[in-house]
Amino acid sequence: MFVWMGRSSNIVKLKVSSRELFKVKDMEASSSRKLRVGIFSLSSCEGCLVEILGIEDVFMDLLELIEVSDSRLLGVKEGEGNLDVAIVEGAVITSEDRSKLEKIRRKSKILVALGDCACYGGKFIMKDFDGKEVNSQPLENFVKVDYKIYGCPATRENFVKFMKHMLISRSFEEPSINVCGECLLRGAECLLEKGILCLGPITRAGCNALCPSVNSPCIGCRGLSMDANLKAFLEILEKKGISIPPYLAKLAEKTCKEER
């Protein structure tokens, strides 16, 4: 599956309020036992983990409700017993990645793919130093993935939203609209109308139109939306006189073949 190159959400400083995003009184779990969570990395830049750990005060509130039993970045060594939720970022590139992932899956009730590398295989490293392509694959090619948190990096807001759902209902659904829908909600101007290539019409929502809202085109870092129509999108670009990049033409061709 084709994956868009990601862009850091640090381009725009995100104001994350502990009280707005994470209210402990609304986070009562179904039992008194804390949710046992493991946070893992495979081959990656670890940007997604840096992003979610940067929540600071919100993450401290979260730690009152969960038990982190395994997290290298937090300095927590692997604990005994199984996990309720395993959060895994990074792609499967090496045999060690695969073995680690399969072990995590065996001990976890719920496995979550965090970020585009885990969800799609990532494209942050297209080639190795010797010029050969890296065989980078998503988690679902090897194990069952229960939920996905998209983005490059995955945003802290979506991570907190996901954890809230896990604590309350143990279920989670990503928005089904595209980025254009979020642009409309924010009152952002359409960049396509200005003759600028923007992938909002075919990209999965959930970023709150972060880039288009500051006049920067969407590059599709959250992957294709559920109802993405690439053929129609290319026709729109042609009508508006916007050049179609080779990668987009190849993706449209591949998608059409898969639909036949």
Protein backbone atom coordinates (compact mmCIF):
# COMPACT_ATOMS: atom_id res chain seq x y z
CA MET A 1 0.00 0.00 0.00
CA PHE A 2 1.25 3.45 -0.86
CA VAL A 3 1.96 5.73 2.07
CA TRP A 4 2.27 9.48 2.12
CA MET A 5 5.37 11.08 3.52
CA GLY A 6 4.59 12.54 6.93
CA ARG A 7 4.92 16.01 8.32
CA SER A 8 5.53 16.83 11.95
CA SER A 9 2.64 18.45 13.77
CA ASN A 10 5.22 20.66 15.45
CA ILE A 11 4.90 23.05 12.48
CA VAL A 12 2.04 24.54 14.44
CA LYS A 13 2.34 24.71 18.20
CA LEU A 14 -0.50 22.66 19.63
CA LYS A 15 -2.07 23.91 22.81
CA VAL A 16 -3.07 20.80 24.73
CA SER A 17 -5.03 21.46 27.89
CA SER A 18 -5.12 18.72 30.50
CA ARG A 19 -8.58 19.82 31.59
CA GLU A 20 -9.97 19.99 28.06
CA LEU A 21 -8.54 16.74 26.69
CA PHE A 22 -8.37 14.51 29.72
CA LYS A 23 -10.80 14.83 32.62
CA VAL A 24 -10.23 12.15 35.22
CA LYS A 25 -13.81 12.27 36.48
CA ASP A 26 -14.98 11.24 32.99
CA MET A 27 -12.49 8.38 32.74
CA GLU A 28 -13.89 5.79 35.13
CA ALA A 29 -12.98 2.32 33.91
CA SER A 30 -15.41 -0.58 34.05
CA SER A 31 -13.48 -2.13 36.96
CA SER A 32 -11.24 -0.97 39.77
CA ARG A 33 -8.21 -2.64 38.21
CA LYS A 34 -5.98 -0.35 36.21
CA LEU A 35 -5.62 -0.91 32.50
CA ARG A 36 -2.30 -2.66 31.83
CA VAL A 37 -0.59 -0.95 28.90
CA GLY A 38 2.65 -1.62 27.05
CA ILE A 39 4.26 0.93 24.72
CA PHE A 40 6.66 -0.46 22.12
CA SER A 41 8.81 0.64 19.17
CA LEU A 42 9.89 -1.29 16.11
CA SER A 43 11.95 0.26 13.28
CA SER A 44 11.10 3.96 13.36
CA CYS A 45 12.24 7.45 14.24
CA GLU A 46 10.15 7.18 17.45
CA GLY A 47 8.51 10.47 16.55
CA CYS A 48 5.06 9.17 17.49
CA LEU A 49 6.20 8.22 20.99
CA VAL A 50 7.94 11.55 21.47
CA GLU A 51 4.71 13.25 20.40
CA ILE A 52 2.45 11.43 22.85
CA LEU A 53 4.90 11.57 25.75
CA GLY A 54 5.14 15.32 25.21
CA ILE A 55 1.61 15.71 26.59
CA GLU A 56 3.22 16.07 30.04
CA ASP A 57 0.45 17.02 32.50
CA VAL A 58 -2.15 15.10 30.50
CA PHE A 59 0.05 12.02 30.47
CA MET A 60 0.50 12.31 34.23
CA ASP A 61 -3.29 12.25 34.62
CA LEU A 62 -3.38 9.20 32.37
CA LEU A 63 -0.84 7.38 34.55
CA GLU A 64 -3.31 7.58 37.44
CA LEU A 65 -5.66 5.34 35.46
CA ILE A 66 -3.33 2.92 33.70
CA GLU A 67 -0.40 0.74 34.65
CA VAL A 68 2.46 0.99 32.17
CA SER A 69 4.06 -2.44 32.39
CA ASP A 70 6.50 -2.05 29.51
CA SER A 71 7.99 1.09 27.95
CA ARG A 72 11.63 1.62 27.07
CA LEU A 73 11.26 5.39 26.72
CA LEU A 74 9.67 5.63 30.16
CA GLY A 75 12.31 3.36 31.67
CA VAL A 76 9.74 0.69 32.54
CA LYS A 77 10.99 -2.86 32.00
CA GLU A 78 8.78 -5.71 30.83
CA GLY A 79 6.46 -6.86 33.58
CA GLU A 80 4.96 -10.27 34.20
CA GLY A 81 1.60 -11.30 32.83
CA ASN A 82 -0.45 -10.20 29.84
CA LEU A 83 -1.37 -6.72 28.66
CA ASP A 84 -4.79 -5.21 28.17
CA VAL A 85 -3.50 -2.86 25.47
CA ALA A 86 -0.24 -2.93 23.51
CA ILE A 87 0.61 0.26 21.63
CA VAL A 88 3.17 -0.36 18.88
CA GLU A 89 4.81 2.24 16.68
CA GLY A 90 7.23 1.64 13.83
CA ALA A 91 7.28 -0.67 10.82
CA VAL A 92 8.39 -4.27 10.49
CA ILE A 93 11.71 -4.19 8.64
CA THR A 94 13.93 -6.77 10.32
CA SER A 95 13.38 -10.33 11.53
CA GLU A 96 13.87 -8.98 15.05
CA ASP A 97 10.96 -6.59 14.49
CA ARG A 98 8.73 -9.47 13.44
CA SER A 99 9.69 -11.68 16.39
CA LYS A 100 9.14 -8.82 18.82
CA LEU A 101 5.76 -7.98 17.29
CA GLU A 102 4.55 -11.58 17.39
CA LYS A 103 5.55 -11.85 21.05
CA ILE A 104 3.68 -8.62 21.84
CA ARG A 105 0.57 -9.91 20.05
CA ARG A 106 0.58 -13.17 22.01
CA LYS A 107 0.53 -11.37 25.36
CA SER A 108 -1.96 -8.60 24.46
CA LYS A 109 -5.75 -8.51 24.41
CA ILE A 110 -5.75 -5.41 22.19
CA LEU A 111 -2.96 -4.37 19.82
CA VAL A 112 -2.84 -0.82 18.49
CA ALA A 113 -0.82 0.40 15.50
CA LEU A 114 0.43 3.90 16.32
CA GLY A 115 1.36 6.18 13.43
CA ASP A 116 1.82 5.68 9.71
CA CYS A 117 4.83 3.38 9.95
CA ALA A 118 2.82 0.90 12.01
CA CYS A 119 -0.39 1.41 10.02
CA TYR A 120 1.00 1.42 6.49
CA GLY A 121 4.69 0.52 6.61
CA GLY A 122 5.90 4.11 6.49
CA LYS A 123 8.01 5.86 3.90
CA PHE A 124 10.25 7.95 6.13
CA ILE A 125 13.19 5.80 4.98
CA MET A 126 12.75 4.92 1.30
CA LYS A 127 16.26 3.58 0.76
CA ASP A 128 19.09 2.20 2.80
CA PHE A 129 22.55 3.72 2.66
CA ASP A 130 23.61 1.39 -0.15
CA GLY A 131 20.76 2.57 -2.36
CA LYS A 132 18.52 -0.47 -1.94
CA GLU A 133 14.86 -0.18 -1.02
CA VAL A 134 13.95 -1.10 2.54
CA ASN A 135 11.34 -3.85 2.93
CA SER A 136 9.16 -1.84 5.31
CA GLN A 137 5.81 -3.44 6.16
CA PRO A 138 2.80 -2.60 8.36
CA LEU A 139 1.97 -4.56 11.49
CA GLU A 140 -1.18 -6.09 10.02
CA ASN A 141 0.90 -8.04 7.49
CA PHE A 142 2.06 -10.25 10.37
CA VAL A 143 -0.44 -10.04 13.23
CA LYS A 144 -4.00 -8.99 13.92
CA VAL A 145 -4.26 -5.24 14.55
CA ASP A 146 -7.33 -4.22 16.54
CA TYR A 147 -7.09 -0.45 16.18
CA LYS A 148 -5.07 2.14 14.28
CA ILE A 149 -4.10 5.66 15.29
CA TYR A 150 -3.08 7.38 12.07
CA GLY A 151 -0.72 10.27 11.39
CA CYS A 152 2.94 11.11 10.91
CA PRO A 153 3.36 11.59 13.73
CA ALA A 154 0.16 10.43 15.42
CA THR A 155 -1.23 13.48 17.20
CA ARG A 156 -1.44 13.74 20.96
CA GLU A 157 -5.12 14.66 20.74
CA ASN A 158 -5.98 11.45 18.90
CA PHE A 159 -3.91 9.39 21.31
CA VAL A 160 -5.71 10.84 24.33
CA LYS A 161 -9.06 10.34 22.62
CA PHE A 162 -8.15 6.71 21.96
CA MET A 163 -7.10 6.08 25.57
CA LYS A 164 -10.30 7.67 26.82
CA HIS A 165 -12.33 5.23 24.71
CA MET A 166 -10.24 2.30 25.94
CA LEU A 167 -10.87 3.24 29.57
CA ILE A 168 -14.58 3.80 29.13
CA SER A 169 -15.81 1.37 26.49
CA ARG A 170 -12.84 -0.64 25.15
CA SER A 171 -13.83 0.40 21.61
CA PHE A 172 -12.73 3.13 19.22
CA GLU A 173 -13.66 4.38 15.76
CA GLU A 174 -11.73 6.78 13.54
CA PRO A 175 -13.67 9.53 11.70
CA SER A 176 -14.86 8.46 8.25
CA ILE A 177 -14.76 11.92 6.62
CA ASN A 178 -11.84 13.41 4.69
CA VAL A 179 -9.67 16.40 5.56
CA CYS A 180 -11.87 18.67 3.43
CA GLY A 181 -14.69 18.05 5.89
CA GLU A 182 -12.52 19.37 8.71
CA CYS A 183 -11.48 22.35 6.58
CA LEU A 184 -15.14 23.28 6.21
CA LEU A 185 -15.66 23.05 9.96
CA ARG A 186 -12.69 25.37 10.54
CA GLY A 187 -13.68 27.79 7.80
CA ALA A 188 -10.38 27.32 5.97
CA GLU A 189 -10.02 28.49 2.37
CA CYS A 190 -9.78 25.77 -0.27
CA LEU A 191 -6.23 25.59 -1.58
CA LEU A 192 -7.32 23.73 -4.70
CA GLU A 193 -9.37 26.79 -5.64
CA LYS A 194 -6.10 28.73 -5.49
CA GLY A 195 -4.44 26.30 -7.87
CA ILE A 196 -2.38 24.61 -5.13
CA LEU A 197 -2.08 20.82 -4.99
CA CYS A 198 -3.74 19.71 -1.76
CA LEU A 199 -4.59 16.08 -0.98
CA GLY A 200 -7.39 16.91 1.46
CA PRO A 201 -10.19 15.43 -0.71
CA ILE A 202 -8.64 11.94 -0.61
CA THR A 203 -7.01 11.97 2.84
CA ARG A 204 -8.41 10.51 6.07
CA ALA A 205 -9.55 13.14 8.58
CA GLY A 206 -8.58 13.32 12.24
CA CYS A 207 -5.89 16.02 12.20
CA ASN A 208 -8.37 18.91 12.47
CA ALA A 209 -7.12 20.15 9.08
CA LEU A 210 -3.85 21.13 10.72
CA CYS A 211 -1.95 22.05 7.56
CA PRO A 212 -4.64 23.57 5.30
CA SER A 213 -5.88 25.75 8.16
CA VAL A 214 -2.54 27.59 8.08
CA ASN A 215 -2.46 27.77 4.27
CA SER A 216 -0.17 24.76 3.89
CA PRO A 217 -1.39 21.97 1.58
CA CYS A 218 -2.32 18.56 2.92
CA ILE A 219 0.25 15.92 1.93
CA GLY A 220 -1.89 12.97 2.98
CA CYS A 221 0.08 11.77 5.99
CA ARG A 222 -2.96 9.99 7.48
CA GLY A 223 -3.49 7.84 4.38
CA LEU A 224 -6.44 7.52 2.04
CA SER A 225 -9.93 8.24 3.33
CA MET A 226 -12.48 5.43 3.29
CA ASP A 227 -14.31 6.85 0.26
CA ALA A 228 -11.29 8.26 -1.60
CA ASN A 229 -11.99 8.50 -5.35
CA LEU A 230 -8.60 9.00 -6.96
CA LYS A 231 -9.90 8.98 -10.52
CA ALA A 232 -12.32 11.81 -9.79
CA PHE A 233 -9.62 13.69 -7.85
CA LEU A 234 -7.21 13.56 -10.81
CA GLU A 235 -9.98 14.88 -13.06
CA ILE A 236 -10.45 17.83 -10.69
CA LEU A 237 -6.72 18.57 -10.78
CA GLU A 238 -6.71 18.51 -14.58
CA LYS A 239 -9.70 20.88 -14.77
CA LYS A 240 -7.98 23.31 -12.42
CA GLY A 241 -4.70 23.13 -14.32
CA ILE A 242 -2.80 21.63 -11.38
CA SER A 243 0.10 19.36 -12.31
CA ILE A 244 -0.36 15.73 -11.29
CA PRO A 245 2.79 14.37 -9.62
CA PRO A 246 3.99 10.93 -10.80
CA TYR A 247 3.41 9.27 -7.40
CA LEU A 248 -0.26 10.28 -7.47
CA ALA A 249 -0.77 8.97 -10.99
CA LYS A 250 0.86 5.65 -10.02
CA LEU A 251 -1.28 5.39 -6.90
CA ALA A 252 -4.45 6.01 -8.90
CA GLU A 253 -3.40 3.37 -11.45
CA LYS A 254 -2.67 0.83 -8.73
CA THR A 255 -5.94 1.54 -6.91
CA CYS A 256 -7.97 1.12 -10.10
CA LYS A 257 -6.32 -2.25 -10.77
CA GLU A 258 -7.08 -3.45 -7.24
CA GLU A 259 -10.75 -2.46 -7.61
CA ARG A 260 -11.19 -4.50 -10.80
